[in-house]
Amino acid sequence: FTFSTYVIEWYRQPPGKERELVARESHWTNYANG
């Protein structure tokens, strides 16, 4: 797919917990608390 046109995010799922957003990269970057 056309990678450059997509928003890219990293998520993580700790043991026994729900998946959570870690960071987002589009036109700017965002990070989860901590």
Full PDB file with SEQRES, HELIX, SHEET, SSBOND, CRYST1, ORIGX, SCALE, CONECT and MASTER records, all heavy atoms in Angstrom:
SEQRES   1 A   34  PHE THR PHE SER THR TYR VAL ILE GLU TRP TYR ARG GLN          
SEQRES   2 A   34  PRO PRO GLY LYS GLU ARG GLU LEU VAL ALA ARG GLU SER          
SEQRES   3 A   34  HIS TRP THR ASN TYR ALA ASN GLY                              
HELIX    1 AA1 PHE A    3  THR A    5  5                                   3    
SHEET    1 AA1 3 ILE A   8  ARG A  12  0                                        
SHEET    2 AA1 3 GLU A  20  GLU A  25 -1                                        
SHEET    3 AA1 3 THR A  29  TYR A  31 -1                                        
CRYST1    1.000    1.000    1.000  90.00  90.00  90.00 P 1           1          
ORIGX1      1.000000  0.000000  0.000000        0.00000                         
ORIGX2      0.000000  1.000000  0.000000        0.00000                         
ORIGX3      0.000000  0.000000  1.000000        0.00000                         
SCALE1      1.000000  0.000000  0.000000        0.00000                         
SCALE2      0.000000  1.000000  0.000000        0.00000                         
SCALE3      0.000000  0.000000  1.000000        0.00000                         
ATOM      1  N   PHE A   1       0.847  -1.185   0.000  1.00  0.00           N  
ATOM      2  CA  PHE A   1       0.000   0.000   0.000  1.00  0.00           C  
ATOM      3  C   PHE A   1       0.887   1.242   0.000  1.00  0.00           C  
ATOM      4  O   PHE A   1       2.098   1.142   0.180  1.00  0.00           O  
ATOM      5  CB  PHE A   1      -0.959   0.003   1.202  1.00  0.00           C  
ATOM      6  CG  PHE A   1      -0.282   0.044   2.556  1.00  0.00           C  
ATOM      7  CD1 PHE A   1      -0.164   1.241   3.249  1.00  0.00           C  
ATOM      8  CD2 PHE A   1       0.216  -1.119   3.143  1.00  0.00           C  
ATOM      9  CE1 PHE A   1       0.452   1.277   4.502  1.00  0.00           C  
ATOM     10  CE2 PHE A   1       0.830  -1.091   4.383  1.00  0.00           C  
ATOM     11  CZ  PHE A   1       0.948   0.115   5.066  1.00  0.00           C  
ATOM     12  N   THR A   2       0.262   2.408  -0.219  1.00  0.00           N  
ATOM     13  CA  THR A   2       1.016   3.658  -0.327  1.00  0.00           C  
ATOM     14  C   THR A   2       1.318   4.169   1.079  1.00  0.00           C  
ATOM     15  O   THR A   2       0.598   4.984   1.645  1.00  0.00           O  
ATOM     16  CB  THR A   2       0.234   4.689  -1.137  1.00  0.00           C  
ATOM     17  OG1 THR A   2      -0.188   4.104  -2.373  1.00  0.00           O  
ATOM     18  CG2 THR A   2       1.100   5.907  -1.428  1.00  0.00           C  
ATOM     19  N   PHE A   3       2.418   3.706   1.607  1.00  0.00           N  
ATOM     20  CA  PHE A   3       2.795   3.928   3.008  1.00  0.00           C  
ATOM     21  C   PHE A   3       2.786   5.406   3.388  1.00  0.00           C  
ATOM     22  O   PHE A   3       2.300   5.774   4.465  1.00  0.00           O  
ATOM     23  CB  PHE A   3       4.184   3.334   3.222  1.00  0.00           C  
ATOM     24  CG  PHE A   3       4.764   3.553   4.585  1.00  0.00           C  
ATOM     25  CD1 PHE A   3       4.350   2.797   5.666  1.00  0.00           C  
ATOM     26  CD2 PHE A   3       5.742   4.513   4.788  1.00  0.00           C  
ATOM     27  CE1 PHE A   3       4.892   2.984   6.925  1.00  0.00           C  
ATOM     28  CE2 PHE A   3       6.299   4.709   6.038  1.00  0.00           C  
ATOM     29  CZ  PHE A   3       5.873   3.943   7.109  1.00  0.00           C  
ATOM     30  N   SER A   4       3.297   6.260   2.515  1.00  0.00           N  
ATOM     31  CA  SER A   4       3.482   7.669   2.868  1.00  0.00           C  
ATOM     32  C   SER A   4       2.169   8.402   3.113  1.00  0.00           C  
ATOM     33  O   SER A   4       2.158   9.468   3.728  1.00  0.00           O  
ATOM     34  CB  SER A   4       4.273   8.386   1.774  1.00  0.00           C  
ATOM     35  OG  SER A   4       3.565   8.341   0.556  1.00  0.00           O  
ATOM     36  N   THR A   5       1.061   7.853   2.647  1.00  0.00           N  
ATOM     37  CA  THR A   5      -0.233   8.531   2.792  1.00  0.00           C  
ATOM     38  C   THR A   5      -1.013   8.061   4.017  1.00  0.00           C  
ATOM     39  O   THR A   5      -2.137   8.507   4.238  1.00  0.00           O  
ATOM     40  CB  THR A   5      -1.098   8.324   1.541  1.00  0.00           C  
ATOM     41  OG1 THR A   5      -1.431   6.926   1.423  1.00  0.00           O  
ATOM     42  CG2 THR A   5      -0.373   8.787   0.290  1.00  0.00           C  
ATOM     43  N   TYR A   6      -0.449   7.162   4.786  1.00  0.00           N  
ATOM     44  CA  TYR A   6      -1.134   6.589   5.938  1.00  0.00           C  
ATOM     45  C   TYR A   6      -0.626   7.182   7.253  1.00  0.00           C  
ATOM     46  O   TYR A   6       0.561   7.484   7.397  1.00  0.00           O  
ATOM     47  CB  TYR A   6      -0.932   5.069   5.979  1.00  0.00           C  
ATOM     48  CG  TYR A   6      -1.851   4.304   5.060  1.00  0.00           C  
ATOM     49  CD1 TYR A   6      -1.806   4.481   3.682  1.00  0.00           C  
ATOM     50  CD2 TYR A   6      -2.773   3.404   5.570  1.00  0.00           C  
ATOM     51  CE1 TYR A   6      -2.657   3.787   2.843  1.00  0.00           C  
ATOM     52  CE2 TYR A   6      -3.630   2.692   4.752  1.00  0.00           C  
ATOM     53  CZ  TYR A   6      -3.562   2.891   3.378  1.00  0.00           C  
ATOM     54  OH  TYR A   6      -4.410   2.201   2.550  1.00  0.00           O  
ATOM     55  N   VAL A   7      -1.536   7.293   8.197  1.00  0.00           N  
ATOM     56  CA  VAL A   7      -1.166   7.574   9.578  1.00  0.00           C  
ATOM     57  C   VAL A   7      -0.604   6.280  10.173  1.00  0.00           C  
ATOM     58  O   VAL A   7      -1.199   5.201  10.003  1.00  0.00           O  
ATOM     59  CB  VAL A   7      -2.384   8.041  10.397  1.00  0.00           C  
ATOM     60  CG1 VAL A   7      -2.018   8.165  11.883  1.00  0.00           C  
ATOM     61  CG2 VAL A   7      -2.914   9.357   9.859  1.00  0.00           C  
ATOM     62  N   ILE A   8       0.525   6.391  10.856  1.00  0.00           N  
ATOM     63  CA  ILE A   8       1.166   5.221  11.448  1.00  0.00           C  
ATOM     64  C   ILE A   8       1.126   5.354  12.971  1.00  0.00           C  
ATOM     65  O   ILE A   8       1.429   6.419  13.513  1.00  0.00           O  
ATOM     66  CB  ILE A   8       2.623   5.087  10.992  1.00  0.00           C  
ATOM     67  CG1 ILE A   8       2.703   5.045   9.468  1.00  0.00           C  
ATOM     68  CG2 ILE A   8       3.244   3.832  11.602  1.00  0.00           C  
ATOM     69  CD1 ILE A   8       1.995   3.865   8.838  1.00  0.00           C  
ATOM     70  N   GLU A   9       0.770   4.285  13.612  1.00  0.00           N  
ATOM     71  CA  GLU A   9       0.699   4.276  15.067  1.00  0.00           C  
ATOM     72  C   GLU A   9       1.375   3.016  15.608  1.00  0.00           C  
ATOM     73  O   GLU A   9       1.418   1.986  14.936  1.00  0.00           O  
ATOM     74  CB  GLU A   9      -0.757   4.306  15.536  1.00  0.00           C  
ATOM     75  CG  GLU A   9      -1.489   5.562  15.116  1.00  0.00           C  
ATOM     76  CD  GLU A   9      -2.972   5.524  15.455  1.00  0.00           C  
ATOM     77  OE1 GLU A   9      -3.559   4.419  15.430  1.00  0.00           O  
ATOM     78  OE2 GLU A   9      -3.544   6.592  15.731  1.00  0.00           O  
ATOM     79  N   TRP A  10       1.871   3.149  16.818  1.00  0.00           N  
ATOM     80  CA  TRP A  10       2.339   1.985  17.576  1.00  0.00           C  
ATOM     81  C   TRP A  10       1.382   1.799  18.757  1.00  0.00           C  
ATOM     82  O   TRP A  10       1.035   2.776  19.445  1.00  0.00           O  
ATOM     83  CB  TRP A  10       3.751   2.188  18.103  1.00  0.00           C  
ATOM     84  CG  TRP A  10       4.813   2.028  17.082  1.00  0.00           C  
ATOM     85  CD1 TRP A  10       5.432   3.005  16.365  1.00  0.00           C  
ATOM     86  CD2 TRP A  10       5.411   0.804  16.649  1.00  0.00           C  
ATOM     87  NE1 TRP A  10       6.356   2.479  15.521  1.00  0.00           N  
ATOM     88  CE2 TRP A  10       6.374   1.118  15.673  1.00  0.00           C  
ATOM     89  CE3 TRP A  10       5.227  -0.539  16.998  1.00  0.00           C  
ATOM     90  CZ2 TRP A  10       7.151   0.155  15.032  1.00  0.00           C  
ATOM     91  CZ3 TRP A  10       6.003  -1.506  16.367  1.00  0.00           C  
ATOM     92  CH2 TRP A  10       6.956  -1.158  15.398  1.00  0.00           C  
ATOM     93  N   TYR A  11       0.981   0.569  18.968  1.00  0.00           N  
ATOM     94  CA  TYR A  11       0.157   0.183  20.103  1.00  0.00           C  
ATOM     95  C   TYR A  11       0.918  -0.875  20.910  1.00  0.00           C  
ATOM     96  O   TYR A  11       1.881  -1.481  20.425  1.00  0.00           O  
ATOM     97  CB  TYR A  11      -1.171  -0.428  19.638  1.00  0.00           C  
ATOM     98  CG  TYR A  11      -2.157   0.548  19.082  1.00  0.00           C  
ATOM     99  CD1 TYR A  11      -2.023   1.041  17.782  1.00  0.00           C  
ATOM    100  CD2 TYR A  11      -3.235   0.985  19.851  1.00  0.00           C  
ATOM    101  CE1 TYR A  11      -2.941   1.944  17.264  1.00  0.00           C  
ATOM    102  CE2 TYR A  11      -4.151   1.885  19.345  1.00  0.00           C  
ATOM    103  CZ  TYR A  11      -4.009   2.352  18.060  1.00  0.00           C  
ATOM    104  OH  TYR A  11      -4.911   3.251  17.553  1.00  0.00           O  
ATOM    105  N   ARG A  12       0.438  -1.109  22.104  1.00  0.00           N  
ATOM    106  CA  ARG A  12       0.966  -2.216  22.883  1.00  0.00           C  
ATOM    107  C   ARG A  12      -0.149  -2.843  23.711  1.00  0.00           C  
ATOM    108  O   ARG A  12      -1.152  -2.191  24.026  1.00  0.00           O  
ATOM    109  CB  ARG A  12       2.107  -1.768  23.793  1.00  0.00           C  
ATOM    110  CG  ARG A  12       1.692  -0.891  24.949  1.00  0.00           C  
ATOM    111  CD  ARG A  12       2.915  -0.446  25.735  1.00  0.00           C  
ATOM    112  NE  ARG A  12       2.551   0.293  26.931  1.00  0.00           N  
ATOM    113  CZ  ARG A  12       3.438   0.856  27.741  1.00  0.00           C  
ATOM    114  NH1 ARG A  12       4.752   0.764  27.476  1.00  0.00           N  
ATOM    115  NH2 ARG A  12       3.039   1.497  28.821  1.00  0.00           N  
ATOM    116  N   GLN A  13       0.030  -4.099  24.051  1.00  0.00           N  
ATOM    117  CA  GLN A  13      -0.927  -4.804  24.886  1.00  0.00           C  
ATOM    118  C   GLN A  13      -0.172  -5.510  26.001  1.00  0.00           C  
ATOM    119  O   GLN A  13       0.456  -6.554  25.789  1.00  0.00           O  
ATOM    120  CB  GLN A  13      -1.732  -5.816  24.076  1.00  0.00           C  
ATOM    121  CG  GLN A  13      -2.856  -6.445  24.885  1.00  0.00           C  
ATOM    122  CD  GLN A  13      -3.883  -7.121  23.993  1.00  0.00           C  
ATOM    123  OE1 GLN A  13      -3.642  -7.379  22.814  1.00  0.00           O  
ATOM    124  NE2 GLN A  13      -5.046  -7.404  24.548  1.00  0.00           N  
ATOM    125  N   PRO A  14      -0.209  -4.924  27.204  1.00  0.00           N  
ATOM    126  CA  PRO A  14       0.440  -5.565  28.347  1.00  0.00           C  
ATOM    127  C   PRO A  14      -0.299  -6.846  28.735  1.00  0.00           C  
ATOM    128  O   PRO A  14      -1.491  -7.000  28.410  1.00  0.00           O  
ATOM    129  CB  PRO A  14       0.349  -4.515  29.456  1.00  0.00           C  
ATOM    130  CG  PRO A  14       0.076  -3.222  28.751  1.00  0.00           C  
ATOM    131  CD  PRO A  14      -0.726  -3.602  27.547  1.00  0.00           C  
ATOM    132  N   PRO A  15       0.340  -7.735  29.435  1.00  0.00           N  
ATOM    133  CA  PRO A  15      -0.314  -8.987  29.837  1.00  0.00           C  
ATOM    134  C   PRO A  15      -1.587  -8.722  30.631  1.00  0.00           C  
ATOM    135  O   PRO A  15      -1.582  -7.956  31.599  1.00  0.00           O  
ATOM    136  CB  PRO A  15       0.737  -9.675  30.714  1.00  0.00           C  
ATOM    137  CG  PRO A  15       2.024  -9.069  30.332  1.00  0.00           C  
ATOM    138  CD  PRO A  15       1.730  -7.677  29.885  1.00  0.00           C  
ATOM    139  N   GLY A  16      -2.683  -9.315  30.206  1.00  0.00           N  
ATOM    140  CA  GLY A  16      -3.950  -9.200  30.915  1.00  0.00           C  
ATOM    141  C   GLY A  16      -4.646  -7.870  30.770  1.00  0.00           C  
ATOM    142  O   GLY A  16      -5.650  -7.620  31.461  1.00  0.00           O  
ATOM    143  N   LYS A  17      -4.150  -7.003  29.888  1.00  0.00           N  
ATOM    144  CA  LYS A  17      -4.742  -5.678  29.726  1.00  0.00           C  
ATOM    145  C   LYS A  17      -5.159  -5.451  28.277  1.00  0.00           C  
ATOM    146  O   LYS A  17      -4.816  -6.221  27.380  1.00  0.00           O  
ATOM    147  CB  LYS A  17      -3.757  -4.598  30.168  1.00  0.00           C  
ATOM    148  CG  LYS A  17      -3.383  -4.667  31.636  1.00  0.00           C  
ATOM    149  CD  LYS A  17      -2.489  -3.514  32.030  1.00  0.00           C  
ATOM    150  CE  LYS A  17      -2.148  -3.561  33.511  1.00  0.00           C  
ATOM    151  NZ  LYS A  17      -1.272  -2.425  33.915  1.00  0.00           N  
ATOM    152  N   GLU A  18      -5.879  -4.344  28.059  1.00  0.00           N  
ATOM    153  CA  GLU A  18      -6.324  -4.019  26.710  1.00  0.00           C  
ATOM    154  C   GLU A  18      -5.190  -3.349  25.917  1.00  0.00           C  
ATOM    155  O   GLU A  18      -4.253  -2.787  26.487  1.00  0.00           O  
ATOM    156  CB  GLU A  18      -7.540  -3.089  26.780  1.00  0.00           C  
ATOM    157  CG  GLU A  18      -8.763  -3.752  27.379  1.00  0.00           C  
ATOM    158  CD  GLU A  18      -9.992  -2.877  27.280  1.00  0.00           C  
ATOM    159  OE1 GLU A  18      -9.860  -1.698  26.895  1.00  0.00           O  
ATOM    160  OE2 GLU A  18     -11.090  -3.371  27.608  1.00  0.00           O  
ATOM    161  N   ARG A  19      -5.345  -3.411  24.623  1.00  0.00           N  
ATOM    162  CA  ARG A  19      -4.391  -2.750  23.747  1.00  0.00           C  
ATOM    163  C   ARG A  19      -4.497  -1.231  23.922  1.00  0.00           C  
ATOM    164  O   ARG A  19      -5.592  -0.681  24.023  1.00  0.00           O  
ATOM    165  CB  ARG A  19      -4.665  -3.140  22.293  1.00  0.00           C  
ATOM    166  CG  ARG A  19      -3.559  -2.809  21.329  1.00  0.00           C  
ATOM    167  CD  ARG A  19      -3.833  -3.393  19.970  1.00  0.00           C  
ATOM    168  NE  ARG A  19      -3.851  -4.859  20.006  1.00  0.00           N  
ATOM    169  CZ  ARG A  19      -3.936  -5.630  18.918  1.00  0.00           C  
ATOM    170  NH1 ARG A  19      -4.011  -5.065  17.727  1.00  0.00           N  
ATOM    171  NH2 ARG A  19      -3.948  -6.939  19.028  1.00  0.00           N  
ATOM    172  N   GLU A  20      -3.342  -0.566  23.945  1.00  0.00           N  
ATOM    173  CA  GLU A  20      -3.332   0.866  24.157  1.00  0.00           C  
ATOM    174  C   GLU A  20      -2.403   1.551  23.162  1.00  0.00           C  
ATOM    175  O   GLU A  20      -1.414   0.964  22.714  1.00  0.00           O  
ATOM    176  CB  GLU A  20      -2.880   1.195  25.593  1.00  0.00           C  
ATOM    177  CG  GLU A  20      -1.485   0.709  25.935  1.00  0.00           C  
ATOM    178  CD  GLU A  20      -1.103   0.942  27.390  1.00  0.00           C  
ATOM    179  OE1 GLU A  20      -1.966   1.345  28.194  1.00  0.00           O  
ATOM    180  OE2 GLU A  20       0.078   0.709  27.720  1.00  0.00           O  
ATOM    181  N   LEU A  21      -2.742   2.796  22.851  1.00  0.00           N  
ATOM    182  CA  LEU A  21      -1.924   3.579  21.935  1.00  0.00           C  
ATOM    183  C   LEU A  21      -0.631   4.004  22.615  1.00  0.00           C  
ATOM    184  O   LEU A  21      -0.653   4.453  23.761  1.00  0.00           O  
ATOM    185  CB  LEU A  21      -2.697   4.803  21.460  1.00  0.00           C  
ATOM    186  CG  LEU A  21      -1.964   5.751  20.519  1.00  0.00           C  
ATOM    187  CD1 LEU A  21      -1.701   5.084  19.176  1.00  0.00           C  
ATOM    188  CD2 LEU A  21      -2.772   7.034  20.336  1.00  0.00           C  
ATOM    189  N   VAL A  22       0.471   3.888  21.890  1.00  0.00           N  
ATOM    190  CA  VAL A  22       1.769   4.337  22.384  1.00  0.00           C  
ATOM    191  C   VAL A  22       2.162   5.651  21.731  1.00  0.00           C  
ATOM    192  O   VAL A  22       2.525   6.611  22.409  1.00  0.00           O  
ATOM    193  CB  VAL A  22       2.852   3.265  22.109  1.00  0.00           C  
ATOM    194  CG1 VAL A  22       4.237   3.794  22.468  1.00  0.00           C  
ATOM    195  CG2 VAL A  22       2.542   1.979  22.858  1.00  0.00           C  
ATOM    196  N   ALA A  23       2.095   5.695  20.392  1.00  0.00           N  
ATOM    197  CA  ALA A  23       2.530   6.885  19.665  1.00  0.00           C  
ATOM    198  C   ALA A  23       1.889   6.908  18.291  1.00  0.00           C  
ATOM    199  O   ALA A  23       1.537   5.862  17.738  1.00  0.00           O  
ATOM    200  CB  ALA A  23       4.053   6.899  19.532  1.00  0.00           C  
ATOM    201  N   ARG A  24       1.753   8.100  17.744  1.00  0.00           N  
ATOM    202  CA  ARG A  24       1.158   8.308  16.429  1.00  0.00           C  
ATOM    203  C   ARG A  24       2.044   9.222  15.615  1.00  0.00           C  
ATOM    204  O   ARG A  24       2.571  10.210  16.138  1.00  0.00           O  
ATOM    205  CB  ARG A  24      -0.225   8.916  16.557  1.00  0.00           C  
ATOM    206  CG  ARG A  24      -0.871   9.315  15.231  1.00  0.00           C  
ATOM    207  CD  ARG A  24      -2.204   9.989  15.451  1.00  0.00           C  
ATOM    208  NE  ARG A  24      -3.179   9.090  16.038  1.00  0.00           N  
ATOM    209  CZ  ARG A  24      -3.733   9.296  17.229  1.00  0.00           C  
ATOM    210  NH1 ARG A  24      -3.399  10.349  17.953  1.00  0.00           N  
ATOM    211  NH2 ARG A  24      -4.616   8.432  17.689  1.00  0.00           N  
ATOM    212  N   GLU A  25       2.190   8.923  14.345  1.00  0.00           N  
ATOM    213  CA  GLU A  25       2.974   9.755  13.435  1.00  0.00           C  
ATOM    214  C   GLU A  25       2.154  10.006  12.171  1.00  0.00           C  
ATOM    215  O   GLU A  25       1.834   9.093  11.434  1.00  0.00           O  
ATOM    216  CB  GLU A  25       4.292   9.061  13.081  1.00  0.00           C  
ATOM    217  CG  GLU A  25       5.463   9.993  12.798  1.00  0.00           C  
ATOM    218  CD  GLU A  25       5.379  10.680  11.445  1.00  0.00           C  
ATOM    219  OE1 GLU A  25       4.725  10.144  10.539  1.00  0.00           O  
ATOM    220  OE2 GLU A  25       6.011  11.749  11.280  1.00  0.00           O  
ATOM    221  N   SER A  26       1.782  11.265  11.966  1.00  0.00           N  
ATOM    222  CA  SER A  26       1.128  11.641  10.713  1.00  0.00           C  
ATOM    223  C   SER A  26       1.851  12.887  10.217  1.00  0.00           C  
ATOM    224  O   SER A  26       2.996  12.805   9.794  1.00  0.00           O  
ATOM    225  CB  SER A  26      -0.365  11.847  10.916  1.00  0.00           C  
ATOM    226  OG  SER A  26      -0.607  12.793  11.907  1.00  0.00           O  
ATOM    227  N   HIS A  27       1.198  14.038  10.292  1.00  0.00           N  
ATOM    228  CA  HIS A  27       1.896  15.289   9.993  1.00  0.00           C  
ATOM    229  C   HIS A  27       2.615  15.803  11.236  1.00  0.00           C  
ATOM    230  O   HIS A  27       3.404  16.733  11.159  1.00  0.00           O  
ATOM    231  CB  HIS A  27       0.920  16.339   9.495  1.00  0.00           C  
ATOM    232  CG  HIS A  27       0.283  15.945   8.190  1.00  0.00           C  
ATOM    233  ND1 HIS A  27       0.986  15.834   7.015  1.00  0.00           N  
ATOM    234  CD2 HIS A  27      -0.992  15.623   7.894  1.00  0.00           C  
ATOM    235  CE1 HIS A  27       0.168  15.473   6.040  1.00  0.00           C  
ATOM    236  NE2 HIS A  27      -1.035  15.325   6.552  1.00  0.00           N  
ATOM    237  N   TRP A  28       2.290  15.218  12.346  1.00  0.00           N  
ATOM    238  CA  TRP A  28       2.946  15.542  13.611  1.00  0.00           C  
ATOM    239  C   TRP A  28       3.013  14.258  14.418  1.00  0.00           C  
ATOM    240  O   TRP A  28       2.456  13.234  14.023  1.00  0.00           O  
ATOM    241  CB  TRP A  28       2.191  16.640  14.360  1.00  0.00           C  
ATOM    242  CG  TRP A  28       0.748  16.315  14.565  1.00  0.00           C  
ATOM    243  CD1 TRP A  28       0.195  15.566  15.551  1.00  0.00           C  
ATOM    244  CD2 TRP A  28      -0.356  16.715  13.722  1.00  0.00           C  
ATOM    245  NE1 TRP A  28      -1.159  15.467  15.377  1.00  0.00           N  
ATOM    246  CE2 TRP A  28      -1.536  16.160  14.292  1.00  0.00           C  
ATOM    247  CE3 TRP A  28      -0.454  17.470  12.567  1.00  0.00           C  
ATOM    248  CZ2 TRP A  28      -2.795  16.355  13.718  1.00  0.00           C  
ATOM    249  CZ3 TRP A  28      -1.708  17.665  12.013  1.00  0.00           C  
ATOM    250  CH2 TRP A  28      -2.857  17.116  12.583  1.00  0.00           C  
ATOM    251  N   THR A  29       3.659  14.311  15.544  1.00  0.00           N  
ATOM    252  CA  THR A  29       3.739  13.129  16.392  1.00  0.00           C  
ATOM    253  C   THR A  29       2.999  13.369  17.700  1.00  0.00           C  
ATOM    254  O   THR A  29       2.938  14.496  18.211  1.00  0.00           O  
ATOM    255  CB  THR A  29       5.196  12.766  16.704  1.00  0.00           C  
ATOM    256  OG1 THR A  29       5.828  13.870  17.349  1.00  0.00           O  
ATOM    257  CG2 THR A  29       5.963  12.425  15.440  1.00  0.00           C  
ATOM    258  N   ASN A  30       2.422  12.313  18.219  1.00  0.00           N  
ATOM    259  CA  ASN A  30       1.735  12.340  19.505  1.00  0.00           C  
ATOM    260  C   ASN A  30       2.151  11.108  20.292  1.00  0.00           C  
ATOM    261  O   ASN A  30       2.368  10.047  19.714  1.00  0.00           O  
ATOM    262  CB  ASN A  30       0.211  12.325  19.316  1.00  0.00           C  
ATOM    263  CG  ASN A  30      -0.312  13.536  18.608  1.00  0.00           C  
ATOM    264  OD1 ASN A  30      -0.514  13.516  17.406  1.00  0.00           O  
ATOM    265  ND2 ASN A  30      -0.519  14.613  19.350  1.00  0.00           N  
ATOM    266  N   TYR A  31       2.194  11.292  21.605  1.00  0.00           N  
ATOM    267  CA  TYR A  31       2.574  10.195  22.475  1.00  0.00           C  
ATOM    268  C   TYR A  31       1.577  10.050  23.610  1.00  0.00           C  
ATOM    269  O   TYR A  31       1.023  11.039  24.090  1.00  0.00           O  
ATOM    270  CB  TYR A  31       3.967  10.432  23.074  1.00  0.00           C  
ATOM    271  CG  TYR A  31       5.060  10.490  22.045  1.00  0.00           C  
ATOM    272  CD1 TYR A  31       5.444  11.699  21.479  1.00  0.00           C  
ATOM    273  CD2 TYR A  31       5.699   9.329  21.624  1.00  0.00           C  
ATOM    274  CE1 TYR A  31       6.430  11.755  20.519  1.00  0.00           C  
ATOM    275  CE2 TYR A  31       6.695   9.375  20.662  1.00  0.00           C  
ATOM    276  CZ  TYR A  31       7.054  10.591  20.120  1.00  0.00           C  
ATOM    277  OH  TYR A  31       8.041  10.632  19.160  1.00  0.00           O  
ATOM    278  N   ALA A  32       1.379   8.819  24.039  1.00  0.00           N  
ATOM    279  CA  ALA A  32       0.536   8.582  25.204  1.00  0.00           C  
ATOM    280  C   ALA A  32       1.258   9.068  26.454  1.00  0.00           C  
ATOM    281  O   ALA A  32       2.489   9.240  26.469  1.00  0.00           O  
ATOM    282  CB  ALA A  32       0.238   7.092  25.320  1.00  0.00           C  
ATOM    283  N   ASN A  33       0.458   9.300  27.492  1.00  0.00           N  
ATOM    284  CA  ASN A  33       1.045   9.744  28.759  1.00  0.00           C  
ATOM    285  C   ASN A  33       2.091   8.741  29.235  1.00  0.00           C  
ATOM    286  O   ASN A  33       1.883   7.539  29.205  1.00  0.00           O  
ATOM    287  CB  ASN A  33      -0.053   9.881  29.810  1.00  0.00           C  
ATOM    288  CG  ASN A  33      -0.971  11.059  29.529  1.00  0.00           C  
ATOM    289  OD1 ASN A  33      -0.581  11.992  28.843  1.00  0.00           O  
ATOM    290  ND2 ASN A  33      -2.179  10.989  30.039  1.00  0.00           N  
ATOM    291  N   GLY A  34       3.204   9.269  29.662  1.00  0.00           N  
ATOM    292  CA  GLY A  34       4.270   8.415  30.173  1.00  0.00           C  
ATOM    293  C   GLY A  34       5.251   7.933  29.123  1.00  0.00           C  
ATOM    294  O   GLY A  34       6.273   7.339  29.448  1.00  0.00           O  
TER     295      GLY A  34                                                      
MASTER        0    0    0    1    3    0    0    6  294    1    0    3          
END                                                                             
